[in-house]
Amino acid sequence: MKLKGSQNAIHPDALLILFAIASLFLLPLRTYQLIKIVDPQTGFFTDGANPTIIILYTIIALVTFILLAASFLSANIPASIPPSGKKRPLGIVSAVFAVSFLVDAIVQITSVVVMFGDKTETSLPTLTARNAWFPVALQAFFALVSTVYFIAVAISYISGKTSYTNNRLMALAPLLWTFCRMIYRFMRAISFVRVSELLLEICAIAFLIIFFMTFARISSDVNRKGTMWIIFGAGLPAAMLLLCVSVPRIVLVLTGNSKMLVNHSPLEYADFPAALFIIAYILTVLRSGYKTEAELEAEEAEKAEEGAETEGEEEPKEETEEPAELSETDKKESSENKIPFDRSQLIDELKD
């Protein structure tokens, strides 16, 4: 029994509505937790019996499951083709994302310099401070490459020439950037479950890895058929979690309460732009007059049939042309082989 794409009643717009409602509910809830029940020194909940903790994790788990399942089952998910033509809103968001990658690269390079300058083991929340610089340095490198790549994405959608799809190797840079972020967080010697900020970051990065992997496949035309559902199923949870991580931190910084931020969980400059890019990309796909995978396959099959019929009509013409050429040649040869005669001589003979 086929499950993937079997439900016509599930529309992608419904997934966006669910994502928006969940995000609007989670953001104030998480901001309240950071202000009231999260210890900024340790990151632990100061009140483990607070009902908002269960509510937060339940909503995140339930909405994530629904988004994944509904995206997989929906028959109305767009075909796995990147948007083409002038898409200036997406181009502008891509440019902002590129700038955030550049800022992240500068921040990580600065962190590496600090790591080499500080000789104390207790200065870093890692299993070993000697090895912590390596994933951070790689993160900075891939952030720089991602900057170049998303500049190409921005130029493509602002100018209307989708040239970024030719950069297959550079499309892997955002994916590797997220891998480095994940590795660094797993090097921290701390309880991931009890430190809610770190747990949310890890979940957000995990879904972001899946999104960037699928984005690279679709953009580079590498085994992309039937993968757009992952953009919705993993992209929307990633955007929801990234907003849940970044927006409360932005609120605390803007309101002058940056001291309430959890230690070693500062404001990440690329998180909010990453969420914006995911949302902008999905909205652009949905508003571009898309075809579903089934409609695209039917259209390609129809074109193939028309091409086969056209070839079938042309073949008899080629067969009839050859005999025509041969008949003209035969006529020429026969005219050359005829015996010549004199008409005046024939008339004189008839008179006699």
Protein backbone atom coordinates (compact mmCIF):
# COMPACT_ATOMS: atom_id res chain seq x y z
CA MET A 1 0.00 0.00 0.00
CA LYS A 2 1.46 3.35 -1.06
CA LEU A 3 1.56 5.91 1.74
CA LYS A 4 3.76 8.65 0.30
CA GLY A 5 1.66 11.29 -1.47
CA SER A 6 -1.57 9.35 -0.94
CA GLN A 7 -3.67 12.06 0.72
CA ASN A 8 -5.23 14.74 -1.48
CA ALA A 9 -6.91 16.45 1.47
CA ILE A 10 -3.61 17.71 2.95
CA HIS A 11 -2.58 21.03 1.41
CA PRO A 12 0.83 22.69 1.98
CA ASP A 13 -0.87 25.93 3.08
CA ALA A 14 -2.32 24.05 6.06
CA LEU A 15 1.23 23.11 7.10
CA LEU A 16 2.24 26.76 7.01
CA ILE A 17 -0.77 27.74 9.12
CA LEU A 18 0.11 25.08 11.71
CA PHE A 19 3.73 26.25 11.74
CA ALA A 20 2.66 29.89 12.24
CA ILE A 21 0.24 29.11 15.08
CA ALA A 22 2.78 26.93 16.91
CA SER A 23 5.54 29.52 16.52
CA LEU A 24 3.34 32.36 17.79
CA PHE A 25 2.53 30.29 20.86
CA LEU A 26 6.07 29.03 21.54
CA LEU A 27 7.98 32.31 21.24
CA PRO A 28 6.40 34.15 24.20
CA LEU A 29 6.41 30.90 26.19
CA ARG A 30 10.15 30.40 25.68
CA THR A 31 10.89 34.08 26.35
CA TYR A 32 9.04 33.76 29.67
CA GLN A 33 11.10 30.69 30.57
CA LEU A 34 14.42 32.44 29.89
CA ILE A 35 13.39 35.37 32.07
CA LYS A 36 11.74 33.49 34.95
CA ILE A 37 12.74 29.84 35.29
CA VAL A 38 16.10 29.32 33.53
CA ASP A 39 19.34 29.83 35.44
CA PRO A 40 21.68 31.86 33.14
CA GLN A 41 24.77 30.38 34.83
CA THR A 42 23.97 26.69 34.37
CA GLY A 43 21.10 26.72 31.88
CA PHE A 44 19.04 24.43 34.13
CA PHE A 45 15.39 25.03 34.95
CA THR A 46 15.13 26.54 38.42
CA ASP A 47 11.57 25.22 38.80
CA GLY A 48 11.32 21.73 37.38
CA ALA A 49 7.61 21.50 38.20
CA ASN A 50 6.68 24.55 36.15
CA PRO A 51 3.85 23.54 33.73
CA THR A 52 5.33 25.57 30.86
CA ILE A 53 8.14 23.01 30.54
CA ILE A 54 5.78 20.15 29.67
CA ILE A 55 3.71 22.45 27.46
CA LEU A 56 6.79 23.61 25.52
CA TYR A 57 8.18 20.15 24.81
CA THR A 58 4.74 18.67 24.06
CA ILE A 59 3.91 21.33 21.47
CA ILE A 60 7.32 21.02 19.81
CA ALA A 61 7.14 17.20 19.62
CA LEU A 62 3.51 17.08 18.47
CA VAL A 63 3.81 19.82 15.82
CA THR A 64 7.07 18.36 14.50
CA PHE A 65 5.49 14.91 14.13
CA ILE A 66 2.41 16.35 12.37
CA LEU A 67 4.54 18.40 9.95
CA LEU A 68 6.69 15.40 9.05
CA ALA A 69 3.78 12.98 8.63
CA ALA A 70 1.54 15.41 6.76
CA SER A 71 4.33 16.42 4.37
CA PHE A 72 5.06 12.77 3.62
CA LEU A 73 1.40 11.86 3.04
CA SER A 74 0.32 14.96 1.11
CA ALA A 75 -0.29 14.55 -2.62
CA ASN A 76 -0.18 18.33 -3.10
CA ILE A 77 3.48 18.87 -2.27
CA PRO A 78 5.21 20.69 -5.17
CA ALA A 79 7.53 18.84 -7.51
CA SER A 80 11.21 18.83 -6.59
CA ILE A 81 12.24 21.75 -8.81
CA PRO A 82 13.92 24.95 -7.56
CA PRO A 83 12.03 28.21 -8.17
CA SER A 84 13.10 29.99 -11.35
CA GLY A 85 12.83 33.54 -12.66
CA LYS A 86 12.88 36.80 -10.73
CA LYS A 87 11.99 36.18 -7.08
CA ARG A 88 13.23 39.36 -5.44
CA PRO A 89 11.90 38.71 -1.90
CA LEU A 90 13.74 35.38 -1.86
CA GLY A 91 16.81 37.07 -3.34
CA ILE A 92 16.81 39.75 -0.62
CA VAL A 93 16.42 37.15 2.15
CA SER A 94 19.26 35.13 0.58
CA ALA A 95 21.47 38.23 0.64
CA VAL A 96 20.67 38.77 4.35
CA PHE A 97 21.48 35.10 4.98
CA ALA A 98 24.81 35.54 3.18
CA VAL A 99 25.69 38.51 5.42
CA SER A 100 24.82 36.48 8.52
CA PHE A 101 27.19 33.73 7.36
CA LEU A 102 29.95 36.31 7.01
CA VAL A 103 29.29 37.64 10.54
CA ASP A 104 29.27 34.07 11.89
CA ALA A 105 32.63 33.39 10.19
CA ILE A 106 34.14 36.49 11.84
CA VAL A 107 32.78 35.45 15.25
CA GLN A 108 34.15 31.91 14.94
CA ILE A 109 37.56 33.10 13.78
CA THR A 110 37.67 35.38 16.81
CA SER A 111 36.75 32.41 19.02
CA VAL A 112 39.60 30.35 17.60
CA VAL A 113 42.06 33.16 18.32
CA VAL A 114 40.79 33.35 21.90
CA MET A 115 41.11 29.57 22.30
CA PHE A 116 44.74 29.62 21.25
CA GLY A 117 45.45 32.56 23.52
CA ASP A 118 43.82 31.08 26.63
CA LYS A 119 45.78 28.19 28.15
CA THR A 120 43.29 27.26 30.90
CA GLU A 121 41.19 24.14 30.52
CA THR A 122 38.25 25.63 32.44
CA SER A 123 37.74 28.46 29.97
CA LEU A 124 35.81 26.29 27.53
CA PRO A 125 32.68 24.20 28.16
CA THR A 126 34.15 21.29 26.17
CA LEU A 127 35.50 17.87 26.89
CA THR A 128 38.94 19.06 25.85
CA ALA A 129 39.86 22.65 25.12
CA ARG A 130 42.81 21.55 22.97
CA ASN A 131 40.52 20.00 20.34
CA ALA A 132 37.65 22.50 20.53
CA TRP A 133 39.23 24.89 18.04
CA PHE A 134 39.06 22.41 15.14
CA PRO A 135 35.25 22.25 14.55
CA VAL A 136 35.04 25.99 15.23
CA ALA A 137 37.71 26.71 12.61
CA LEU A 138 35.93 24.45 10.11
CA GLN A 139 32.65 26.19 10.90
CA ALA A 140 34.29 29.53 10.09
CA PHE A 141 35.66 28.17 6.79
CA PHE A 142 32.33 26.72 5.65
CA ALA A 143 30.57 29.91 6.75
CA LEU A 144 32.81 31.88 4.36
CA VAL A 145 32.06 29.46 1.50
CA SER A 146 28.35 29.63 2.34
CA THR A 147 28.57 33.41 2.14
CA VAL A 148 29.77 33.18 -1.45
CA TYR A 149 27.16 30.55 -2.29
CA PHE A 150 24.19 32.53 -0.94
CA ILE A 151 25.44 35.67 -2.66
CA ALA A 152 25.13 33.63 -5.87
CA VAL A 153 21.63 32.54 -4.79
CA ALA A 154 20.66 36.17 -4.12
CA ILE A 155 22.00 37.38 -7.48
CA SER A 156 20.21 34.54 -9.27
CA TYR A 157 16.79 35.39 -7.87
CA ILE A 158 17.21 39.15 -8.12
CA SER A 159 18.39 39.01 -11.75
CA GLY A 160 16.12 36.15 -12.80
CA LYS A 161 18.95 33.88 -13.96
CA THR A 162 19.07 30.79 -11.79
CA SER A 163 22.82 30.32 -12.17
CA TYR A 164 23.47 29.16 -8.61
CA THR A 165 22.19 25.69 -9.52
CA ASN A 166 25.49 25.08 -11.36
CA ASN A 167 27.50 25.38 -8.11
CA ARG A 168 27.05 21.80 -6.96
CA LEU A 169 30.16 21.65 -4.79
CA MET A 170 29.47 24.96 -3.04
CA ALA A 171 25.92 23.80 -2.28
CA LEU A 172 27.42 21.44 0.30
CA ALA A 173 28.98 24.30 2.32
CA PRO A 174 25.84 25.18 4.37
CA LEU A 175 25.35 21.48 5.12
CA LEU A 176 28.94 21.10 6.37
CA TRP A 177 28.58 24.33 8.35
CA THR A 178 25.67 22.82 10.29
CA PHE A 179 27.63 19.59 10.85
CA CYS A 180 30.45 21.59 12.46
CA ARG A 181 27.97 23.39 14.71
CA MET A 182 26.55 20.05 15.82
CA ILE A 183 29.97 18.55 16.53
CA TYR A 184 30.99 21.49 18.69
CA ARG A 185 27.83 21.24 20.79
CA PHE A 186 28.32 17.54 21.41
CA MET A 187 31.81 18.31 22.72
CA ARG A 188 30.27 20.13 25.69
CA ALA A 189 30.50 18.08 28.88
CA ILE A 190 27.00 18.81 30.15
CA SER A 191 23.52 17.31 30.37
CA PHE A 192 21.74 18.07 27.11
CA VAL A 193 18.30 17.33 28.53
CA ARG A 194 18.57 19.55 31.58
CA VAL A 195 20.03 22.49 29.64
CA SER A 196 17.00 23.41 27.58
CA GLU A 197 18.78 25.96 25.37
CA LEU A 198 21.33 23.41 24.29
CA LEU A 199 18.65 20.78 23.66
CA LEU A 200 16.66 23.15 21.48
CA GLU A 201 19.82 24.13 19.57
CA ILE A 202 20.71 20.50 18.87
CA CYS A 203 17.18 19.71 17.62
CA ALA A 204 17.14 22.83 15.44
CA ILE A 205 20.54 22.02 13.93
CA ALA A 206 19.49 18.40 13.28
CA PHE A 207 16.49 19.49 11.21
CA LEU A 208 18.60 22.21 9.56
CA ILE A 209 21.06 19.52 8.42
CA ILE A 210 18.22 17.60 6.78
CA PHE A 211 16.89 20.77 5.14
CA PHE A 212 20.27 21.82 3.70
CA MET A 213 20.92 18.29 2.46
CA THR A 214 17.63 18.29 0.54
CA PHE A 215 18.12 21.88 -0.61
CA ALA A 216 21.50 20.91 -2.10
CA ARG A 217 19.95 17.91 -3.89
CA ILE A 218 17.12 19.94 -5.40
CA SER A 219 19.29 22.94 -6.34
CA SER A 220 22.01 20.78 -7.90
CA ASP A 221 19.65 18.28 -9.60
CA VAL A 222 21.23 15.31 -7.82
CA ASN A 223 18.63 12.57 -7.27
CA ARG A 224 16.07 15.23 -6.41
CA LYS A 225 12.89 13.51 -7.58
CA GLY A 226 10.30 13.19 -4.80
CA THR A 227 12.33 15.08 -2.18
CA MET A 228 10.40 18.35 -1.87
CA TRP A 229 8.30 16.90 0.96
CA ILE A 230 11.48 16.91 3.09
CA ILE A 231 11.82 20.67 2.53
CA PHE A 232 8.40 21.02 4.18
CA GLY A 233 8.66 18.17 6.68
CA ALA A 234 12.13 19.09 8.00
CA GLY A 235 12.32 22.75 6.98
CA LEU A 236 9.26 23.94 8.90
CA PRO A 237 10.30 22.23 12.20
CA ALA A 238 13.80 23.64 11.70
CA ALA A 239 12.41 27.15 11.22
CA MET A 240 10.13 26.76 14.24
CA LEU A 241 12.99 25.64 16.49
CA LEU A 242 15.37 28.29 15.14
CA LEU A 243 12.79 30.97 15.91
CA CYS A 244 12.25 29.45 19.34
CA VAL A 245 16.00 29.69 19.98
CA SER A 246 16.82 33.05 18.39
CA VAL A 247 13.81 35.31 18.96
CA PRO A 248 13.83 35.13 22.80
CA ARG A 249 17.56 35.89 22.78
CA ILE A 250 17.00 38.86 20.46
CA VAL A 251 14.26 40.13 22.78
CA LEU A 252 16.55 39.88 25.82
CA VAL A 253 19.38 41.69 24.03
CA LEU A 254 17.14 44.48 22.71
CA THR A 255 15.53 45.02 26.11
CA GLY A 256 18.90 45.28 27.84
CA ASN A 257 18.60 41.89 29.59
CA SER A 258 21.45 40.14 27.83
CA LYS A 259 22.77 39.01 31.24
CA MET A 260 19.82 36.57 31.32
CA LEU A 261 21.22 34.69 28.32
CA VAL A 262 22.49 31.24 29.23
CA ASN A 263 26.27 30.95 29.43
CA HIS A 264 27.83 29.50 26.27
CA SER A 265 24.51 29.95 24.43
CA PRO A 266 24.91 33.46 23.03
CA LEU A 267 22.94 35.10 20.24
CA GLU A 268 23.79 33.19 17.05
CA TYR A 269 23.69 35.64 14.15
CA ALA A 270 22.75 33.09 11.48
CA ASP A 271 19.85 31.37 13.27
CA PHE A 272 17.12 33.95 12.64
CA PRO A 273 18.16 34.55 8.97
CA ALA A 274 18.20 30.76 8.46
CA ALA A 275 14.59 30.56 9.65
CA LEU A 276 13.65 33.47 7.38
CA PHE A 277 15.30 31.79 4.39
CA ILE A 278 13.43 28.51 4.97
CA ILE A 279 10.10 30.33 5.20
CA ALA A 280 10.85 32.53 2.16
CA TYR A 281 11.97 29.52 0.09
CA ILE A 282 8.82 27.52 0.89
CA LEU A 283 6.53 30.50 0.24
CA THR A 284 8.28 31.16 -3.09
CA VAL A 285 7.81 27.54 -4.15
CA LEU A 286 4.11 27.65 -3.26
CA ARG A 287 3.46 31.01 -4.94
CA SER A 288 5.24 30.18 -8.21
CA GLY A 289 2.38 28.27 -9.84
CA TYR A 290 3.92 24.92 -9.00
CA LYS A 291 3.06 21.48 -10.31
CA THR A 292 2.92 18.42 -8.11
CA GLU A 293 5.19 15.46 -8.75
CA ALA A 294 2.31 13.49 -10.31
CA GLU A 295 1.34 16.38 -12.60
CA LEU A 296 4.95 16.83 -13.70
CA GLU A 297 5.30 13.12 -14.49
CA ALA A 298 2.05 13.18 -16.48
CA GLU A 299 3.25 16.22 -18.44
CA GLU A 300 6.59 14.60 -19.21
CA ALA A 301 4.86 11.37 -20.31
CA GLU A 302 2.55 13.37 -22.61
CA LYS A 303 5.51 15.16 -24.17
CA ALA A 304 7.25 11.83 -24.70
CA GLU A 305 4.17 10.43 -26.45
CA GLU A 306 3.89 13.49 -28.68
CA GLY A 307 7.55 13.15 -29.58
CA ALA A 308 7.08 9.48 -30.46
CA GLU A 309 4.06 10.29 -32.68
CA THR A 310 5.99 13.02 -34.48
CA GLU A 311 8.84 10.63 -35.20
CA GLY A 312 6.35 8.03 -36.47
CA GLU A 313 4.87 10.52 -38.95
CA GLU A 314 8.26 11.54 -40.32
CA GLU A 315 9.46 7.99 -41.06
CA PRO A 316 7.11 7.24 -44.04
CA LYS A 317 8.13 10.49 -45.73
CA GLU A 318 11.72 9.35 -45.77
CA GLU A 319 10.70 6.01 -47.36
CA THR A 320 8.68 7.65 -50.18
CA GLU A 321 11.45 10.09 -51.03
CA GLU A 322 13.90 7.34 -52.01
CA PRO A 323 11.69 5.71 -54.67
CA ALA A 324 10.97 9.15 -56.13
CA GLU A 325 14.68 9.79 -56.54
CA LEU A 326 15.14 6.37 -58.12
CA SER A 327 12.30 6.92 -60.60
CA GLU A 328 13.81 10.21 -61.78
CA THR A 329 17.13 8.50 -62.30
CA ASP A 330 15.48 5.67 -64.24
CA LYS A 331 13.70 8.21 -66.42
CA LYS A 332 16.98 9.94 -67.20
CA GLU A 333 18.68 6.66 -68.03
CA SER A 334 15.80 5.54 -70.26
CA SER A 335 15.82 8.84 -72.13
CA GLU A 336 19.52 8.49 -72.78
CA ASN A 337 19.08 4.90 -74.09
CA LYS A 338 16.37 5.80 -76.67
CA ILE A 339 17.34 5.43 -80.38
CA PRO A 340 17.31 8.82 -82.15
CA PHE A 341 15.29 9.23 -85.41
CA ASP A 342 14.84 11.91 -88.11
CA ARG A 343 11.25 13.19 -88.53
CA SER A 344 11.78 14.59 -92.07
CA GLN A 345 13.09 11.26 -93.28
CA LEU A 346 10.04 9.50 -91.84
CA ILE A 347 7.66 11.89 -93.65
CA ASP A 348 9.42 11.33 -97.01
CA GLU A 349 9.14 7.59 -96.62
CA LEU A 350 5.42 7.84 -95.90
CA LYS A 351 4.90 9.96 -99.06
CA ASP A 352 6.62 7.36 -101.23
